[in-house]
């Protein structure tokens, strides 16, 4: 029996995508795990693999098609020996994962009915849709213990409802209901010559998330001036020692480390607001703002508090390069416990960044510049930068935010302390 291939949900927030490139053509034989297409989401371009084997009977969505909704049938796979033309005519209606949840969410799972034993495909590979695999991983579920209700016993999203995780997962509480955002005003060109630029999926996502952040998250801003001379001297010495390993530290690498250490020293700021409770994280994963064509993305340096500065530098260069090529995996840019945005390279002296929900804070870094500065009760010239922390005031009190900024400044001004 023929099977339908649908536009997958490659991230929890994906609602539509662009079918950037087909990697197969009609008539090609495919097996489970073979790459079918490249899908462009709002953040990255990802490869989509087959979960069933057969012959590509018909491609229904052309290469380069934009705005393809999750769940849309994009191709039909015929079984071995089945007539491809006939398979294209008799393909069943889609049964796989629905589009991301809507208001009519299913009621709590009913008492289980008799199902076949958990299905496996060739070898020991569990048959499951890409969305089901991602949801199972997020919930800590073992797919090998779940029976599938999809075609040929394939596990789909609905099969995960009511399944208990293998290990307790952190509680997640929905944020309180908020007032819906007002619709944007209609464009008015006033007769001025112009061109209309269509918003990319990334730009739409940025606009939506930043609007939600400013409307729903009460921001408090705290700024400190930080002397950089000792950090610049240490960076020069470390780079001399790391030259044989082809590692060159940037100032940003050291600031990522300083923020990571500061968050562990002031755990009240390494938090996430979650309705009637908070999550306080035991490590500092720093999301770092990277400008890419058409928008901005925040790849994550995990365990920045305990990772060495050379490892941070190597990881950041790799993440930034793949971010600009649209090759990051979702787990490499979704998450993080806090963010850092550095606009010093543009000569920006100071700015206030918008918090990246659901995180509790973001640090905005300005340019290091020569300024008159009081050192040992005398006015001298020093290299100074301004750093501004934006804090979610629902979760972080002003005094705790001030302590974080104070610790960050002390670490940067006495950088050997954060390398110990």
Protein backbone atom coordinates (compact mmCIF):
# COMPACT_ATOMS: atom_id res chain seq x y z
CA UNK A 1 0.00 0.00 0.00
CA UNK A 2 1.34 3.46 -0.88
CA UNK A 3 2.33 5.90 1.85
CA UNK A 4 2.18 9.68 2.03
CA UNK A 5 5.18 11.81 3.03
CA UNK A 6 4.22 14.99 4.85
CA UNK A 7 6.01 18.24 5.58
CA UNK A 8 7.66 17.44 8.93
CA UNK A 9 7.77 19.60 12.08
CA UNK A 10 11.54 19.91 12.51
CA UNK A 11 11.29 22.06 15.63
CA UNK A 12 8.65 22.51 18.36
CA UNK A 13 7.66 25.95 17.01
CA UNK A 14 7.69 25.17 13.29
CA UNK A 15 4.35 25.75 11.56
CA UNK A 16 5.51 25.99 7.96
CA UNK A 17 8.72 25.72 5.97
CA UNK A 18 10.34 25.96 2.56
CA UNK A 19 11.05 22.82 0.57
CA UNK A 20 14.52 24.01 -0.40
CA UNK A 21 15.72 21.00 -2.38
CA UNK A 22 14.65 17.49 -3.30
CA UNK A 23 17.44 14.92 -2.90
CA UNK A 24 15.44 12.23 -4.74
CA UNK A 25 13.36 12.13 -7.90
CA UNK A 26 10.30 10.20 -9.00
CA UNK A 27 11.19 6.55 -9.59
CA UNK A 28 14.04 6.47 -7.06
CA UNK A 29 14.13 3.65 -4.52
CA UNK A 30 14.50 4.76 -0.91
CA UNK A 31 15.09 2.97 2.38
CA UNK A 32 14.55 4.01 5.97
CA UNK A 33 17.18 6.61 6.84
CA UNK A 34 17.79 7.79 3.27
CA UNK A 35 17.76 11.56 2.81
CA UNK A 36 14.70 12.79 0.92
CA UNK A 37 14.88 16.59 0.97
CA UNK A 38 16.34 19.71 2.51
CA UNK A 39 13.75 21.67 4.51
CA UNK A 40 14.29 25.32 5.38
CA UNK A 41 12.75 26.33 8.72
CA UNK A 42 12.65 29.77 10.31
CA UNK A 43 16.15 29.21 11.69
CA UNK A 44 18.08 26.65 9.66
CA UNK A 45 18.15 24.30 6.68
CA UNK A 46 17.78 20.68 7.76
CA UNK A 47 17.84 17.32 6.01
CA UNK A 48 14.68 15.19 6.10
CA UNK A 49 15.05 11.42 6.02
CA UNK A 50 12.76 8.59 4.99
CA UNK A 51 11.16 6.38 7.63
CA UNK A 52 9.77 3.79 5.20
CA UNK A 53 11.15 2.03 2.17
CA UNK A 54 9.72 1.95 -1.32
CA UNK A 55 9.75 3.88 -4.59
CA UNK A 56 9.09 7.61 -4.96
CA UNK A 57 5.81 7.48 -6.90
CA UNK A 58 5.03 11.18 -7.05
CA UNK A 59 6.48 14.48 -5.84
CA UNK A 60 3.60 16.82 -5.01
CA UNK A 61 5.42 19.95 -3.79
CA UNK A 62 7.95 21.53 -6.10
CA UNK A 63 11.48 22.36 -5.05
CA UNK A 64 11.70 25.94 -3.76
CA UNK A 65 8.07 26.09 -2.59
CA UNK A 66 7.68 28.46 0.37
CA UNK A 67 5.12 28.52 3.18
CA UNK A 68 4.41 24.78 3.06
CA UNK A 69 2.33 24.01 6.16
CA UNK A 70 3.42 21.25 8.52
CA UNK A 71 1.37 18.13 7.67
CA UNK A 72 1.00 18.98 3.95
CA UNK A 73 1.53 15.87 1.77
CA UNK A 74 4.69 16.54 -0.23
CA UNK A 75 5.29 13.13 -1.85
CA UNK A 76 3.93 9.59 -2.24
CA UNK A 77 5.96 6.42 -1.72
CA UNK A 78 4.87 3.19 -3.42
CA UNK A 79 5.65 -0.23 -1.96
CA UNK A 80 8.03 -2.63 -3.71
CA UNK A 81 6.31 -4.05 -6.82
CA UNK A 82 3.41 -1.60 -6.66
CA UNK A 83 2.61 0.37 -9.79
CA UNK A 84 3.81 3.93 -9.17
CA UNK A 85 1.12 5.61 -11.26
CA UNK A 86 -1.61 3.62 -9.54
CA UNK A 87 -0.06 4.33 -6.13
CA UNK A 88 -0.19 8.06 -6.80
CA UNK A 89 -3.93 7.79 -7.50
CA UNK A 90 -4.81 5.57 -4.56
CA UNK A 91 -2.56 7.05 -1.85
CA UNK A 92 -4.39 7.13 1.51
CA UNK A 93 -5.35 10.34 3.21
CA UNK A 94 -2.67 11.56 5.64
CA UNK A 95 -2.70 9.82 9.02
CA UNK A 96 0.59 10.93 10.45
CA UNK A 97 1.38 13.77 12.80
CA UNK A 98 -1.05 16.67 12.80
CA UNK A 99 0.00 20.26 12.56
CA UNK A 100 1.29 21.67 15.89
CA UNK A 101 -1.43 21.65 18.57
CA UNK A 102 -4.48 23.84 18.11
CA UNK A 103 -7.20 24.85 20.54
CA UNK A 104 -9.01 21.56 20.17
CA UNK A 105 -6.32 19.58 21.98
CA UNK A 106 -7.24 15.95 22.72
CA UNK A 107 -8.69 15.12 26.10
CA UNK A 108 -6.56 13.14 28.56
CA UNK A 109 -5.70 9.74 27.16
CA UNK A 110 -8.49 7.18 27.57
CA UNK A 111 -7.93 3.75 29.03
CA UNK A 112 -5.58 1.87 26.73
CA UNK A 113 -7.09 -0.41 24.14
CA UNK A 114 -5.49 -3.51 22.76
CA UNK A 115 -2.59 -2.67 20.46
CA UNK A 116 -0.01 -4.65 18.66
CA UNK A 117 3.36 -4.98 20.34
CA UNK A 118 5.72 -2.05 19.76
CA UNK A 119 6.62 -2.22 16.09
CA UNK A 120 10.15 -2.35 14.77
CA UNK A 121 11.33 -1.89 11.21
CA UNK A 122 14.25 -3.66 9.62
CA UNK A 123 16.80 -4.52 12.28
CA UNK A 124 16.07 -3.00 15.68
CA UNK A 125 15.15 0.48 14.46
CA UNK A 126 11.88 1.69 15.97
CA UNK A 127 9.39 3.01 13.42
CA UNK A 128 8.44 6.54 14.46
CA UNK A 129 7.75 9.84 12.74
CA UNK A 130 10.38 12.59 13.06
CA UNK A 131 8.01 14.67 15.23
CA UNK A 132 7.32 11.70 17.51
CA UNK A 133 11.05 11.11 17.91
CA UNK A 134 11.67 14.73 18.89
CA UNK A 135 8.76 14.81 21.33
CA UNK A 136 9.84 11.50 22.88
CA UNK A 137 13.36 12.80 23.38
CA UNK A 138 12.04 16.00 24.98
CA UNK A 139 9.75 14.03 27.31
CA UNK A 140 12.30 11.34 28.16
CA UNK A 141 10.20 8.54 26.62
CA UNK A 142 11.56 5.19 25.42
CA UNK A 143 10.06 4.63 21.96
CA UNK A 144 10.78 0.90 22.12
CA UNK A 145 8.09 0.58 24.84
CA UNK A 146 5.36 2.40 22.88
CA UNK A 147 2.97 0.80 20.40
CA UNK A 148 2.37 2.65 17.16
CA UNK A 149 -1.04 3.36 15.63
CA UNK A 150 0.23 4.82 12.36
CA UNK A 151 0.76 3.03 9.05
CA UNK A 152 2.56 -0.31 9.53
CA UNK A 153 2.73 0.26 13.29
CA UNK A 154 4.61 3.55 12.99
CA UNK A 155 4.64 5.61 16.18
CA UNK A 156 3.05 9.04 15.74
CA UNK A 157 2.49 12.00 18.05
CA UNK A 158 -0.89 10.77 19.31
CA UNK A 159 0.74 7.57 20.62
CA UNK A 160 2.84 9.59 23.07
CA UNK A 161 -0.19 11.05 24.88
CA UNK A 162 -0.33 9.74 28.44
CA UNK A 163 2.97 7.85 28.22
CA UNK A 164 5.08 8.10 31.36
CA UNK A 165 8.68 9.29 30.94
CA UNK A 166 11.55 6.96 31.73
CA UNK A 167 12.88 9.46 34.24
CA UNK A 168 11.27 12.50 35.87
CA UNK A 169 11.45 15.53 33.59
CA UNK A 170 11.54 19.12 34.83
CA UNK A 171 8.03 20.41 35.40
CA UNK A 172 6.84 22.82 32.75
CA UNK A 173 4.06 25.23 33.56
CA UNK A 174 2.31 27.29 30.95
CA UNK A 175 2.67 31.02 31.38
CA UNK A 176 -0.48 32.86 32.41
CA UNK A 177 -2.86 33.92 29.66
CA UNK A 178 -1.88 37.23 28.11
CA UNK A 179 -3.69 39.93 26.21
CA UNK A 180 -3.45 39.20 22.48
CA UNK A 181 -1.23 41.56 20.52
CA UNK A 182 -2.93 44.21 18.43
CA UNK A 183 -2.82 43.65 14.69
CA UNK A 184 -0.10 45.73 12.99
CA UNK A 185 -1.25 48.85 11.22
CA UNK A 186 -1.72 48.59 7.47
CA UNK A 187 1.28 49.77 5.44
CA UNK A 188 1.05 53.32 4.08
CA UNK A 189 3.50 54.37 1.39
CA UNK A 190 2.33 58.04 1.23
CA UNK A 191 3.20 58.03 -2.46
CA UNK A 192 6.93 57.59 -1.74
CA UNK A 193 8.76 55.35 -4.26
CA UNK A 194 9.49 52.01 -2.62
CA UNK A 195 9.76 48.27 -3.13
CA UNK A 196 7.86 45.62 -1.18
CA UNK A 197 10.14 43.11 0.55
CA UNK A 198 8.50 39.86 1.56
CA UNK A 199 9.24 38.83 5.14
CA UNK A 200 11.19 35.60 5.50
CA UNK A 201 10.08 32.97 7.99
CA UNK A 202 12.99 34.01 10.22
CA UNK A 203 12.01 37.68 10.18
CA UNK A 204 8.38 36.79 11.01
CA UNK A 205 9.55 34.69 13.95
CA UNK A 206 11.86 37.44 15.22
CA UNK A 207 9.05 40.01 15.00
CA UNK A 208 6.61 37.76 16.84
CA UNK A 209 8.98 36.67 19.61
CA UNK A 210 10.36 40.14 20.34
CA UNK A 211 6.87 41.64 20.40
CA UNK A 212 5.75 38.94 22.84
CA UNK A 213 8.84 39.51 24.99
CA UNK A 214 8.31 43.27 25.33
CA UNK A 215 4.56 42.85 25.92
CA UNK A 216 4.67 39.94 28.35
CA UNK A 217 8.01 40.21 30.17
CA UNK A 218 8.60 43.17 32.53
CA UNK A 219 12.20 44.21 31.78
CA UNK A 220 14.54 45.84 34.30
CA UNK A 221 17.85 47.22 32.99
CA UNK A 222 21.11 47.48 34.98
CA UNK A 223 24.35 48.93 33.56
CA UNK A 224 27.95 48.77 34.77
CA UNK A 225 31.18 50.21 33.34
CA UNK A 226 33.92 47.58 33.17
CA UNK A 227 37.66 48.14 32.86
CA UNK A 228 39.11 45.82 30.19
CA UNK A 229 42.87 46.36 30.39
CA UNK A 230 43.70 43.26 32.47
CA UNK A 231 41.43 41.08 30.35
CA UNK A 232 43.05 42.36 27.13
CA UNK A 233 46.50 41.66 28.55
CA UNK A 234 45.48 38.13 29.60
CA UNK A 235 43.94 37.49 26.18
CA UNK A 236 47.20 38.48 24.50
CA UNK A 237 49.19 36.13 26.74
CA UNK A 238 46.77 33.23 26.25
CA UNK A 239 46.77 33.66 22.47
CA UNK A 240 50.56 33.52 22.43
CA UNK A 241 50.40 30.20 24.29
CA UNK A 242 47.59 28.83 22.12
CA UNK A 243 49.10 29.79 18.75
CA UNK A 244 50.55 26.28 18.25
CA UNK A 245 47.02 24.87 18.55
CA UNK A 246 45.61 27.37 16.01
CA UNK A 247 43.29 28.80 18.67
CA UNK A 248 42.78 32.57 18.82
CA UNK A 249 40.60 33.85 21.63
CA UNK A 250 38.30 36.80 21.05
CA UNK A 251 37.21 39.22 23.77
CA UNK A 252 33.72 37.78 23.30
CA UNK A 253 34.96 34.27 24.19
CA UNK A 254 36.22 35.57 27.54
CA UNK A 255 32.99 37.49 28.18
CA UNK A 256 30.94 34.31 27.53
CA UNK A 257 33.07 32.57 30.15
CA UNK A 258 32.66 35.47 32.60
CA UNK A 259 28.87 35.47 32.24
CA UNK A 260 28.72 31.69 32.67
CA UNK A 261 30.76 31.81 35.89
CA UNK A 262 28.76 34.81 37.19
CA UNK A 263 25.46 32.96 36.69
CA UNK A 264 26.69 30.05 38.80
CA UNK A 265 27.94 32.42 41.51
CA UNK A 266 24.57 34.23 41.49
CA UNK A 267 22.13 31.35 40.84
CA UNK A 268 19.14 33.60 41.51
CA UNK A 269 19.69 35.00 38.00
CA UNK A 270 20.18 31.64 36.27
CA UNK A 271 16.44 31.04 36.24
CA UNK A 272 13.34 30.76 34.09
CA UNK A 273 9.91 32.09 35.05
CA UNK A 274 7.24 29.38 34.69
CA UNK A 275 3.89 30.70 35.88
CA UNK A 276 3.52 29.68 39.53
CA UNK A 277 7.07 28.35 39.86
CA UNK A 278 10.62 28.96 38.64
CA UNK A 279 13.32 26.73 37.20
CA UNK A 280 16.78 27.35 38.66
CA UNK A 281 19.48 25.85 36.46
CA UNK A 282 22.57 24.05 37.74
CA UNK A 283 24.77 24.99 34.78
CA UNK A 284 25.10 28.02 32.53
CA UNK A 285 24.34 27.49 28.83
CA UNK A 286 24.92 30.81 27.08
CA UNK A 287 22.99 31.71 23.89
CA UNK A 288 25.17 34.05 21.83
CA UNK A 289 23.56 36.40 19.32
CA UNK A 290 24.95 35.90 15.80
CA UNK A 291 23.89 38.09 12.88
CA UNK A 292 23.15 36.09 9.73
CA UNK A 293 21.65 37.07 6.36
CA UNK A 294 18.01 37.99 6.95
CA UNK A 295 18.03 37.99 10.72
CA UNK A 296 19.62 36.78 13.92
CA UNK A 297 20.16 33.40 15.58
CA UNK A 298 21.46 32.46 19.02
CA UNK A 299 23.64 29.31 18.98
CA UNK A 300 24.32 27.95 22.46
CA UNK A 301 27.67 27.44 24.20
CA UNK A 302 26.76 24.71 26.66
CA UNK A 303 28.35 24.53 30.12
CA UNK A 304 30.08 27.88 29.64
CA UNK A 305 30.72 28.06 33.39
CA UNK A 306 32.93 24.93 33.43
CA UNK A 307 34.25 24.88 29.85
CA UNK A 308 37.78 26.18 29.20
CA UNK A 309 38.15 29.40 27.19
CA UNK A 310 39.93 27.57 24.36
CA UNK A 311 37.01 25.13 24.13
CA UNK A 312 34.53 28.03 24.20
CA UNK A 313 36.43 29.74 21.38
CA UNK A 314 36.52 26.59 19.24
CA UNK A 315 32.83 25.87 19.85
CA UNK A 316 31.80 29.46 19.12
CA UNK A 317 33.67 29.61 15.80
CA UNK A 318 32.08 26.33 14.69
CA UNK A 319 28.58 27.38 15.78
CA UNK A 320 28.83 30.81 14.16
CA UNK A 321 30.08 29.36 10.86
CA UNK A 322 27.29 26.79 10.69
CA UNK A 323 24.73 29.38 11.78
CA UNK A 324 25.62 31.54 8.78
CA UNK A 325 25.31 28.49 6.51
CA UNK A 326 21.91 27.59 8.04
CA UNK A 327 23.25 24.22 9.23
CA UNK A 328 22.60 24.34 12.98
CA UNK A 329 20.58 21.55 14.59
CA UNK A 330 17.53 22.67 16.62
CA UNK A 331 19.16 21.67 19.90
CA UNK A 332 22.09 23.95 19.07
CA UNK A 333 19.98 27.12 19.06
CA UNK A 334 16.90 26.23 21.14
CA UNK A 335 17.37 26.39 24.89
CA UNK A 336 20.08 28.16 26.85
CA UNK A 337 19.77 29.64 30.34
CA UNK A 338 20.80 33.22 29.45
CA UNK A 339 21.96 35.21 26.41
CA UNK A 340 24.80 37.51 25.45
CA UNK A 341 24.66 40.09 22.64
CA UNK A 342 27.80 42.01 21.69
CA UNK A 343 27.54 45.06 19.42
CA UNK A 344 30.90 46.54 20.39
CA UNK A 345 32.40 45.72 17.01
CA UNK A 346 30.00 48.26 15.48
CA UNK A 347 31.15 51.01 17.84
CA UNK A 348 27.91 50.91 19.85
CA UNK A 349 28.73 52.30 23.28
CA UNK A 350 25.66 51.01 25.15
CA UNK A 351 22.31 49.38 24.41
CA UNK A 352 19.49 47.48 26.08
CA UNK A 353 18.75 44.06 24.64
CA UNK A 354 15.34 42.37 24.57
CA UNK A 355 15.10 39.18 26.66
CA UNK A 356 14.97 35.96 24.66
CA UNK A 357 11.99 34.05 26.19
CA UNK A 358 11.77 31.84 28.15
CA UNK A 359 15.19 32.90 29.46
CA UNK A 360 15.39 35.21 32.46
CA UNK A 361 18.15 37.59 31.32
CA UNK A 362 20.36 38.84 28.49
CA UNK A 363 23.63 40.76 28.69
CA UNK A 364 24.26 43.56 26.16
CA UNK A 365 27.94 44.37 25.55
CA UNK A 366 29.08 47.74 24.20
CA UNK A 367 32.38 48.81 22.65
CA UNK A 368 35.60 48.89 24.63
CA UNK A 369 37.06 52.39 24.31
CA UNK A 370 39.62 54.64 25.93
CA UNK A 371 37.90 56.74 28.60
CA UNK A 372 38.92 58.86 31.60
CA UNK A 373 38.63 56.45 34.53
CA UNK A 374 39.39 56.72 38.24
CA UNK A 375 42.05 54.18 39.24
CA UNK A 376 43.50 54.20 42.78
CA UNK A 377 41.86 57.57 43.47
CA UNK A 378 43.50 59.21 40.45
CA UNK A 379 42.05 60.07 37.08
CA UNK A 380 43.69 57.96 34.37
CA UNK A 381 42.96 56.69 30.87
CA UNK A 382 41.66 53.11 30.71
CA UNK A 383 39.93 50.82 28.22
CA UNK A 384 36.33 50.66 29.43
CA UNK A 385 33.14 49.05 28.13
CA UNK A 386 29.54 49.40 29.26
CA UNK A 387 27.56 46.21 29.90
CA UNK A 388 23.78 46.26 30.42
CA UNK A 389 21.81 43.37 31.83
CA UNK A 390 18.11 43.01 30.93
CA UNK A 391 16.31 40.95 33.60
CA UNK A 392 12.84 39.39 33.78
CA UNK A 393 11.54 41.24 36.84
CA UNK A 394 8.92 38.54 37.49
CA UNK A 395 11.72 36.12 38.40
CA UNK A 396 14.75 38.27 39.22
CA UNK A 397 14.79 41.05 41.81
CA UNK A 398 16.78 44.20 41.12
CA UNK A 399 19.21 43.43 43.96
CA UNK A 400 19.99 39.98 42.53
CA UNK A 401 20.45 41.43 39.05
CA UNK A 402 22.79 44.04 40.54
CA UNK A 403 24.82 41.30 42.25
CA UNK A 404 25.18 39.45 38.95
CA UNK A 405 26.42 42.60 37.20
CA UNK A 406 28.84 43.25 40.06
CA UNK A 407 30.24 39.69 39.91
CA UNK A 408 30.52 39.91 36.11
CA UNK A 409 32.48 43.16 36.38
CA UNK A 410 34.83 41.72 39.02
CA UNK A 411 35.52 38.63 36.88
CA UNK A 412 36.32 40.73 33.81
CA UNK A 413 38.49 43.19 35.76
CA UNK A 414 40.34 40.33 37.48
CA UNK A 415 40.10 37.64 34.81
CA UNK A 416 42.45 35.07 36.37
CA UNK A 417 39.66 34.36 38.86
CA UNK A 418 37.35 32.92 36.22
CA UNK A 419 40.05 30.60 34.85
CA UNK A 420 40.71 28.92 38.22
